[in-house]
PDB file of all heavy atoms in Angstrom:
ATOM      1  N   SER A   1       0.838  -1.207   0.004  1.00  0.00           N
ATOM      2  CA  SER A   1      -0.011  -0.010  -0.013  1.00  0.00           C
ATOM      3  C   SER A   1       0.858   1.256   0.002  1.00  0.00           C
ATOM      4  O   SER A   1       1.998   1.261   0.450  1.00  0.00           O
ATOM      5  CB  SER A   1      -0.937   0.010   1.207  1.00  0.00           C
ATOM      6  OG  SER A   1      -0.245   0.114   2.403  1.00  0.00           O
ATOM      7  N   ILE A   2       0.256   2.337  -0.456  1.00  0.00           N
ATOM      8  CA  ILE A   2       0.927   3.648  -0.524  1.00  0.00           C
ATOM      9  C   ILE A   2       0.045   4.644   0.205  1.00  0.00           C
ATOM     10  O   ILE A   2      -1.192   4.704  -0.038  1.00  0.00           O
ATOM     11  CB  ILE A   2       1.203   4.126  -1.949  1.00  0.00           C
ATOM     12  CG1 ILE A   2       2.114   3.108  -2.689  1.00  0.00           C
ATOM     13  CG2 ILE A   2       1.866   5.507  -1.960  1.00  0.00           C
ATOM     14  CD1 ILE A   2       2.298   3.442  -4.126  1.00  0.00           C
ATOM     15  N   PHE A   3       0.641   5.441   1.053  1.00  0.00           N
ATOM     16  CA  PHE A   3      -0.137   6.422   1.778  1.00  0.00           C
ATOM     17  C   PHE A   3       0.713   7.684   2.021  1.00  0.00           C
ATOM     18  O   PHE A   3       1.945   7.627   2.017  1.00  0.00           O
ATOM     19  CB  PHE A   3      -0.687   5.857   3.102  1.00  0.00           C
ATOM     20  CG  PHE A   3       0.419   5.401   4.062  1.00  0.00           C
ATOM     21  CD1 PHE A   3       0.897   6.271   5.040  1.00  0.00           C
ATOM     22  CD2 PHE A   3       0.912   4.119   3.969  1.00  0.00           C
ATOM     23  CE1 PHE A   3       1.882   5.870   5.898  1.00  0.00           C
ATOM     24  CE2 PHE A   3       1.890   3.698   4.867  1.00  0.00           C
ATOM     25  CZ  PHE A   3       2.395   4.566   5.832  1.00  0.00           C
ATOM     26  N   SER A   4       0.034   8.769   2.226  1.00  0.00           N
ATOM     27  CA  SER A   4       0.669  10.057   2.513  1.00  0.00           C
ATOM     28  C   SER A   4       0.167  10.604   3.830  1.00  0.00           C
ATOM     29  O   SER A   4      -1.031  10.647   4.080  1.00  0.00           O
ATOM     30  CB  SER A   4       0.371  11.072   1.358  1.00  0.00           C
ATOM     31  OG  SER A   4       0.969  12.331   1.628  1.00  0.00           O
ATOM     32  N   ILE A   5       1.112  11.007   4.685  1.00  0.00           N
ATOM     33  CA  ILE A   5       0.768  11.523   5.975  1.00  0.00           C
ATOM     34  C   ILE A   5       1.010  13.047   6.036  1.00  0.00           C
ATOM     35  O   ILE A   5       2.114  13.524   5.642  1.00  0.00           O
ATOM     36  CB  ILE A   5       1.621  10.846   7.070  1.00  0.00           C
ATOM     37  CG1 ILE A   5       1.325   9.324   7.089  1.00  0.00           C
ATOM     38  CG2 ILE A   5       1.360  11.443   8.431  1.00  0.00           C
ATOM     39  CD1 ILE A   5       2.145   8.568   8.075  1.00  0.00           C
ATOM     40  N   ASN A   6      -0.002  13.767   6.453  1.00  0.00           N
ATOM     41  CA  ASN A   6       0.151  15.164   6.659  1.00  0.00           C
ATOM     42  C   ASN A   6       0.677  15.440   8.046  1.00  0.00           C
ATOM     43  O   ASN A   6       1.914  15.430   8.264  1.00  0.00           O
ATOM     44  CB  ASN A   6      -1.206  15.839   6.452  1.00  0.00           C
ATOM     45  CG  ASN A   6      -1.094  17.358   6.435  1.00  0.00           C
ATOM     46  OD1 ASN A   6      -0.022  17.912   6.696  1.00  0.00           O
ATOM     47  ND2 ASN A   6      -2.236  18.034   6.201  1.00  0.00           N
ATOM     48  N   ALA A   7      -0.161  15.682   9.022  1.00  0.00           N
ATOM     49  CA  ALA A   7       0.265  15.957  10.390  1.00  0.00           C
ATOM     50  C   ALA A   7       0.347  14.664  11.188  1.00  0.00           C
ATOM     51  O   ALA A   7      -0.464  13.758  10.952  1.00  0.00           O
ATOM     52  CB  ALA A   7      -0.612  16.955  11.016  1.00  0.00           C
ATOM     53  N   MET A   8       1.218  14.642  12.161  1.00  0.00           N
ATOM     54  CA  MET A   8       1.280  13.560  13.122  1.00  0.00           C
ATOM     55  C   MET A   8       1.356  14.221  14.529  1.00  0.00           C
ATOM     56  O   MET A   8       1.963  15.298  14.631  1.00  0.00           O
ATOM     57  CB  MET A   8       2.468  12.640  12.944  1.00  0.00           C
ATOM     58  CG  MET A   8       2.443  11.868  11.641  1.00  0.00           C
ATOM     59  SD  MET A   8       3.772  10.604  11.518  1.00  0.00           S
ATOM     60  CE  MET A   8       3.097   9.347  12.605  1.00  0.00           C
ATOM     61  N   GLY A   9       0.795  13.564  15.479  1.00  0.00           N
ATOM     62  CA  GLY A   9       0.814  14.171  16.783  1.00  0.00           C
ATOM     63  C   GLY A   9       0.571  13.144  17.905  1.00  0.00           C
ATOM     64  O   GLY A   9       0.369  11.958  17.677  1.00  0.00           O
ATOM     65  N   TRP A  10       0.644  13.702  19.134  1.00  0.00           N
ATOM     66  CA  TRP A  10       0.460  12.908  20.311  1.00  0.00           C
ATOM     67  C   TRP A  10      -0.661  13.485  21.145  1.00  0.00           C
ATOM     68  O   TRP A  10      -0.733  14.707  21.342  1.00  0.00           O
ATOM     69  CB  TRP A  10       1.749  12.852  21.161  1.00  0.00           C
ATOM     70  CG  TRP A  10       2.843  12.094  20.534  1.00  0.00           C
ATOM     71  CD1 TRP A  10       3.840  12.558  19.743  1.00  0.00           C
ATOM     72  CD2 TRP A  10       3.054  10.665  20.663  1.00  0.00           C
ATOM     73  NE1 TRP A  10       4.677  11.530  19.323  1.00  0.00           N
ATOM     74  CE2 TRP A  10       4.203  10.375  19.890  1.00  0.00           C
ATOM     75  CE3 TRP A  10       2.398   9.643  21.306  1.00  0.00           C
ATOM     76  CZ2 TRP A  10       4.724   9.098  19.797  1.00  0.00           C
ATOM     77  CZ3 TRP A  10       2.905   8.350  21.204  1.00  0.00           C
ATOM     78  CH2 TRP A  10       4.040   8.096  20.428  1.00  0.00           C
ATOM     79  N   TYR A  11      -1.498  12.650  21.651  1.00  0.00           N
ATOM     80  CA  TYR A  11      -2.574  13.016  22.590  1.00  0.00           C
ATOM     81  C   TYR A  11      -2.442  12.132  23.830  1.00  0.00           C
ATOM     82  O   TYR A  11      -1.790  11.111  23.817  1.00  0.00           O
ATOM     83  CB  TYR A  11      -3.969  12.778  21.934  1.00  0.00           C
ATOM     84  CG  TYR A  11      -4.278  13.712  20.786  1.00  0.00           C
ATOM     85  CD1 TYR A  11      -3.610  13.592  19.597  1.00  0.00           C
ATOM     86  CD2 TYR A  11      -5.225  14.684  20.918  1.00  0.00           C
ATOM     87  CE1 TYR A  11      -3.901  14.420  18.507  1.00  0.00           C
ATOM     88  CE2 TYR A  11      -5.520  15.558  19.884  1.00  0.00           C
ATOM     89  CZ  TYR A  11      -4.846  15.401  18.680  1.00  0.00           C
ATOM     90  OH  TYR A  11      -5.137  16.258  17.634  1.00  0.00           O
ATOM     91  N   ARG A  12      -3.070  12.568  24.900  1.00  0.00           N
ATOM     92  CA  ARG A  12      -3.058  11.754  26.116  1.00  0.00           C
ATOM     93  C   ARG A  12      -4.374  11.825  26.829  1.00  0.00           C
ATOM     94  O   ARG A  12      -5.118  12.791  26.676  1.00  0.00           O
ATOM     95  CB  ARG A  12      -1.907  12.218  27.055  1.00  0.00           C
ATOM     96  CG  ARG A  12      -2.057  13.564  27.655  1.00  0.00           C
ATOM     97  CD  ARG A  12      -0.869  13.990  28.467  1.00  0.00           C
ATOM     98  NE  ARG A  12      -0.988  15.287  29.103  1.00  0.00           N
ATOM     99  CZ  ARG A  12      -0.019  15.917  29.716  1.00  0.00           C
ATOM    100  NH1 ARG A  12       1.196  15.361  29.838  1.00  0.00           N
ATOM    101  NH2 ARG A  12      -0.248  17.097  30.250  1.00  0.00           N
ATOM    102  N   GLN A  13      -4.619  10.800  27.593  1.00  0.00           N
ATOM    103  CA  GLN A  13      -5.848  10.748  28.373  1.00  0.00           C
ATOM    104  C   GLN A  13      -5.510  10.178  29.761  1.00  0.00           C
ATOM    105  O   GLN A  13      -5.103   9.036  29.887  1.00  0.00           O
ATOM    106  CB  GLN A  13      -6.902   9.882  27.693  1.00  0.00           C
ATOM    107  CG  GLN A  13      -8.278   9.901  28.435  1.00  0.00           C
ATOM    108  CD  GLN A  13      -9.340   9.313  27.526  1.00  0.00           C
ATOM    109  OE1 GLN A  13      -9.134   8.609  26.605  1.00  0.00           O
ATOM    110  NE2 GLN A  13     -10.588   9.670  27.862  1.00  0.00           N
ATOM    111  N   ALA A  14      -5.698  11.016  30.745  1.00  0.00           N
ATOM    112  CA  ALA A  14      -5.493  10.604  32.156  1.00  0.00           C
ATOM    113  C   ALA A  14      -6.793  10.026  32.701  1.00  0.00           C
ATOM    114  O   ALA A  14      -7.879  10.371  32.221  1.00  0.00           O
ATOM    115  CB  ALA A  14      -4.994  11.797  32.961  1.00  0.00           C
ATOM    116  N   PRO A  15      -6.704   9.234  33.742  1.00  0.00           N
ATOM    117  CA  PRO A  15      -7.934   8.695  34.356  1.00  0.00           C
ATOM    118  C   PRO A  15      -8.889   9.823  34.799  1.00  0.00           C
ATOM    119  O   PRO A  15      -8.503  10.773  35.469  1.00  0.00           O
ATOM    120  CB  PRO A  15      -7.401   7.957  35.596  1.00  0.00           C
ATOM    121  CG  PRO A  15      -6.031   7.557  35.238  1.00  0.00           C
ATOM    122  CD  PRO A  15      -5.492   8.736  34.403  1.00  0.00           C
ATOM    123  N   GLY A  16     -10.162   9.715  34.369  1.00  0.00           N
ATOM    124  CA  GLY A  16     -11.141  10.646  34.742  1.00  0.00           C
ATOM    125  C   GLY A  16     -11.090  11.978  33.952  1.00  0.00           C
ATOM    126  O   GLY A  16     -11.850  12.895  34.272  1.00  0.00           O
ATOM    127  N   LYS A  17     -10.244  12.027  32.946  1.00  0.00           N
ATOM    128  CA  LYS A  17     -10.124  13.254  32.161  1.00  0.00           C
ATOM    129  C   LYS A  17     -10.365  12.993  30.673  1.00  0.00           C
ATOM    130  O   LYS A  17     -10.297  11.856  30.221  1.00  0.00           O
ATOM    131  CB  LYS A  17      -8.708  13.910  32.333  1.00  0.00           C
ATOM    132  CG  LYS A  17      -8.457  14.427  33.715  1.00  0.00           C
ATOM    133  CD  LYS A  17      -7.124  15.130  33.788  1.00  0.00           C
ATOM    134  CE  LYS A  17      -6.848  15.763  35.142  1.00  0.00           C
ATOM    135  NZ  LYS A  17      -5.559  16.464  35.202  1.00  0.00           N
ATOM    136  N   GLN A  18     -10.643  14.065  29.944  1.00  0.00           N
ATOM    137  CA  GLN A  18     -10.801  13.970  28.510  1.00  0.00           C
ATOM    138  C   GLN A  18      -9.449  13.821  27.818  1.00  0.00           C
ATOM    139  O   GLN A  18      -8.400  14.222  28.348  1.00  0.00           O
ATOM    140  CB  GLN A  18     -11.515  15.190  27.980  1.00  0.00           C
ATOM    141  CG  GLN A  18     -12.882  15.456  28.493  1.00  0.00           C
ATOM    142  CD  GLN A  18     -13.519  16.727  27.910  1.00  0.00           C
ATOM    143  OE1 GLN A  18     -12.900  17.432  27.129  1.00  0.00           O
ATOM    144  NE2 GLN A  18     -14.757  17.002  28.313  1.00  0.00           N
ATOM    145  N   ARG A  19      -9.471  13.197  26.657  1.00  0.00           N
ATOM    146  CA  ARG A  19      -8.282  13.124  25.855  1.00  0.00           C
ATOM    147  C   ARG A  19      -7.920  14.515  25.382  1.00  0.00           C
ATOM    148  O   ARG A  19      -8.749  15.325  24.904  1.00  0.00           O
ATOM    149  CB  ARG A  19      -8.495  12.198  24.644  1.00  0.00           C
ATOM    150  CG  ARG A  19      -7.241  11.931  23.831  1.00  0.00           C
ATOM    151  CD  ARG A  19      -7.468  10.887  22.758  1.00  0.00           C
ATOM    152  NE  ARG A  19      -7.858   9.610  23.347  1.00  0.00           N
ATOM    153  CZ  ARG A  19      -8.041   8.503  22.623  1.00  0.00           C
ATOM    154  NH1 ARG A  19      -7.816   8.517  21.307  1.00  0.00           N
ATOM    155  NH2 ARG A  19      -8.397   7.363  23.220  1.00  0.00           N
ATOM    156  N   GLU A  20      -6.620  14.861  25.487  1.00  0.00           N
ATOM    157  CA  GLU A  20      -6.176  16.215  25.157  1.00  0.00           C
ATOM    158  C   GLU A  20      -4.946  16.128  24.236  1.00  0.00           C
ATOM    159  O   GLU A  20      -4.187  15.148  24.266  1.00  0.00           O
ATOM    160  CB  GLU A  20      -5.797  17.014  26.428  1.00  0.00           C
ATOM    161  CG  GLU A  20      -4.631  16.383  27.219  1.00  0.00           C
ATOM    162  CD  GLU A  20      -4.212  17.265  28.404  1.00  0.00           C
ATOM    163  OE1 GLU A  20      -4.700  18.413  28.502  1.00  0.00           O
ATOM    164  OE2 GLU A  20      -3.367  16.784  29.188  1.00  0.00           O
ATOM    165  N   LEU A  21      -4.799  17.165  23.453  1.00  0.00           N
ATOM    166  CA  LEU A  21      -3.667  17.246  22.560  1.00  0.00           C
ATOM    167  C   LEU A  21      -2.384  17.583  23.371  1.00  0.00           C
ATOM    168  O   LEU A  21      -2.425  18.470  24.250  1.00  0.00           O
ATOM    169  CB  LEU A  21      -3.866  18.323  21.504  1.00  0.00           C
ATOM    170  CG  LEU A  21      -2.768  18.517  20.447  1.00  0.00           C
ATOM    171  CD1 LEU A  21      -3.370  18.849  19.103  1.00  0.00           C
ATOM    172  CD2 LEU A  21      -1.800  19.611  20.891  1.00  0.00           C
ATOM    173  N   VAL A  22      -1.319  16.867  23.090  1.00  0.00           N
ATOM    174  CA  VAL A  22      -0.024  17.156  23.699  1.00  0.00           C
ATOM    175  C   VAL A  22       0.864  17.911  22.755  1.00  0.00           C
ATOM    176  O   VAL A  22       1.398  18.945  23.140  1.00  0.00           O
ATOM    177  CB  VAL A  22       0.646  15.819  24.139  1.00  0.00           C
ATOM    178  CG1 VAL A  22       2.021  16.104  24.731  1.00  0.00           C
ATOM    179  CG2 VAL A  22      -0.224  15.046  25.139  1.00  0.00           C
ATOM    180  N   ALA A  23       1.038  17.401  21.545  1.00  0.00           N
ATOM    181  CA  ALA A  23       1.923  18.059  20.603  1.00  0.00           C
ATOM    182  C   ALA A  23       1.600  17.494  19.191  1.00  0.00           C
ATOM    183  O   ALA A  23       1.242  16.358  19.029  1.00  0.00           O
ATOM    184  CB  ALA A  23       3.390  17.811  20.906  1.00  0.00           C
ATOM    185  N   THR A  24       1.720  18.326  18.202  1.00  0.00           N
ATOM    186  CA  THR A  24       1.582  17.965  16.785  1.00  0.00           C
ATOM    187  C   THR A  24       2.738  18.523  15.977  1.00  0.00           C
ATOM    188  O   THR A  24       3.290  19.554  16.296  1.00  0.00           O
ATOM    189  CB  THR A  24       0.216  18.430  16.195  1.00  0.00           C
ATOM    190  OG1 THR A  24       0.169  19.885  16.209  1.00  0.00           O
ATOM    191  CG2 THR A  24      -0.954  17.885  16.924  1.00  0.00           C
ATOM    192  N   ARG A  25       2.981  17.848  14.904  1.00  0.00           N
ATOM    193  CA  ARG A  25       4.035  18.312  13.972  1.00  0.00           C
ATOM    194  C   ARG A  25       3.544  18.089  12.514  1.00  0.00           C
ATOM    195  O   ARG A  25       3.149  16.974  12.138  1.00  0.00           O
ATOM    196  CB  ARG A  25       5.332  17.566  14.215  1.00  0.00           C
ATOM    197  CG  ARG A  25       6.490  18.115  13.352  1.00  0.00           C
ATOM    198  CD  ARG A  25       7.818  17.440  13.726  1.00  0.00           C
ATOM    199  NE  ARG A  25       8.935  17.970  13.000  1.00  0.00           N
ATOM    200  CZ  ARG A  25       9.709  19.007  13.382  1.00  0.00           C
ATOM    201  NH1 ARG A  25       9.457  19.563  14.531  1.00  0.00           N
ATOM    202  NH2 ARG A  25      10.695  19.434  12.652  1.00  0.00           N
ATOM    203  N   GLY A  26       3.518  19.149  11.775  1.00  0.00           N
ATOM    204  CA  GLY A  26       3.106  19.098  10.383  1.00  0.00           C
ATOM    205  C   GLY A  26       4.204  18.556   9.480  1.00  0.00           C
ATOM    206  O   GLY A  26       5.370  18.495   9.842  1.00  0.00           O
ATOM    207  N   SER A  27       3.829  18.293   8.263  1.00  0.00           N
ATOM    208  CA  SER A  27       4.827  17.800   7.285  1.00  0.00           C
ATOM    209  C   SER A  27       5.834  18.860   6.920  1.00  0.00           C
ATOM    210  O   SER A  27       6.935  18.549   6.448  1.00  0.00           O
ATOM    211  CB  SER A  27       4.109  17.307   6.005  1.00  0.00           C
ATOM    212  OG  SER A  27       3.366  18.357   5.418  1.00  0.00           O
ATOM    213  N   ASP A  28       5.485  20.150   7.153  1.00  0.00           N
ATOM    214  CA  ASP A  28       6.391  21.260   6.908  1.00  0.00           C
ATOM    215  C   ASP A  28       7.323  21.580   8.071  1.00  0.00           C
ATOM    216  O   ASP A  28       8.085  22.497   8.015  1.00  0.00           O
ATOM    217  CB  ASP A  28       5.658  22.508   6.501  1.00  0.00           C
ATOM    218  CG  ASP A  28       4.648  23.003   7.584  1.00  0.00           C
ATOM    219  OD1 ASP A  28       4.544  22.290   8.621  1.00  0.00           O
ATOM    220  OD2 ASP A  28       4.068  24.045   7.405  1.00  0.00           O
ATOM    221  N   GLY A  29       7.178  20.780   9.161  1.00  0.00           N
ATOM    222  CA  GLY A  29       8.050  20.960  10.297  1.00  0.00           C
ATOM    223  C   GLY A  29       7.427  21.872  11.395  1.00  0.00           C
ATOM    224  O   GLY A  29       8.040  22.041  12.455  1.00  0.00           O
ATOM    225  N   SER A  30       6.271  22.435  11.139  1.00  0.00           N
ATOM    226  CA  SER A  30       5.616  23.268  12.165  1.00  0.00           C
ATOM    227  C   SER A  30       5.205  22.420  13.337  1.00  0.00           C
ATOM    228  O   SER A  30       4.849  21.280  13.185  1.00  0.00           O
ATOM    229  CB  SER A  30       4.424  23.998  11.573  1.00  0.00           C
ATOM    230  OG  SER A  30       3.456  23.078  11.061  1.00  0.00           O
ATOM    231  N   THR A  31       5.237  23.036  14.529  1.00  0.00           N
ATOM    232  CA  THR A  31       4.872  22.332  15.703  1.00  0.00           C
ATOM    233  C   THR A  31       3.880  23.112  16.574  1.00  0.00           C
ATOM    234  O   THR A  31       3.778  24.322  16.464  1.00  0.00           O
ATOM    235  CB  THR A  31       6.119  22.037  16.574  1.00  0.00           C
ATOM    236  OG1 THR A  31       6.738  23.244  16.931  1.00  0.00           O
ATOM    237  CG2 THR A  31       7.064  21.136  15.842  1.00  0.00           C
ATOM    238  N   LEU A  32       3.150  22.363  17.374  1.00  0.00           N
ATOM    239  CA  LEU A  32       2.174  22.966  18.295  1.00  0.00           C
ATOM    240  C   LEU A  32       2.230  22.142  19.597  1.00  0.00           C
ATOM    241  O   LEU A  32       2.155  20.915  19.541  1.00  0.00           O
ATOM    242  CB  LEU A  32       0.791  22.932  17.751  1.00  0.00           C
ATOM    243  CG  LEU A  32      -0.336  23.443  18.609  1.00  0.00           C
ATOM    244  CD1 LEU A  32      -0.152  24.957  18.916  1.00  0.00           C
ATOM    245  CD2 LEU A  32      -1.696  23.231  17.996  1.00  0.00           C
ATOM    246  N   TYR A  33       2.366  22.809  20.715  1.00  0.00           N
ATOM    247  CA  TYR A  33       2.424  22.154  22.013  1.00  0.00           C
ATOM    248  C   TYR A  33       1.364  22.628  22.945  1.00  0.00           C
ATOM    249  O   TYR A  33       1.007  23.837  22.921  1.00  0.00           O
ATOM    250  CB  TYR A  33       3.789  22.386  22.657  1.00  0.00           C
ATOM    251  CG  TYR A  33       4.988  21.789  21.948  1.00  0.00           C
ATOM    252  CD1 TYR A  33       5.698  22.522  21.027  1.00  0.00           C
ATOM    253  CD2 TYR A  33       5.370  20.464  22.275  1.00  0.00           C
ATOM    254  CE1 TYR A  33       6.800  21.965  20.348  1.00  0.00           C
ATOM    255  CE2 TYR A  33       6.455  19.926  21.618  1.00  0.00           C
ATOM    256  CZ  TYR A  33       7.163  20.670  20.678  1.00  0.00           C
ATOM    257  OH  TYR A  33       8.239  20.121  20.034  1.00  0.00           O
ATOM    258  N   ALA A  34       0.891  21.763  23.780  1.00  0.00           N
ATOM    259  CA  ALA A  34       0.041  22.173  24.856  1.00  0.00           C
ATOM    260  C   ALA A  34       0.851  23.039  25.842  1.00  0.00           C
ATOM    261  O   ALA A  34       2.045  22.786  26.070  1.00  0.00           O
ATOM    262  CB  ALA A  34      -0.544  20.943  25.597  1.00  0.00           C
TER     263      ALA A  34
END
């Protein structure tokens, strides 16, 4: 198979809490952090 990935990131979910974004990184190298 062949696939293309745009952004990749990490999320986390603690007990009793909602899943939240931790960090993302775009294909252009841009980043976003909690």
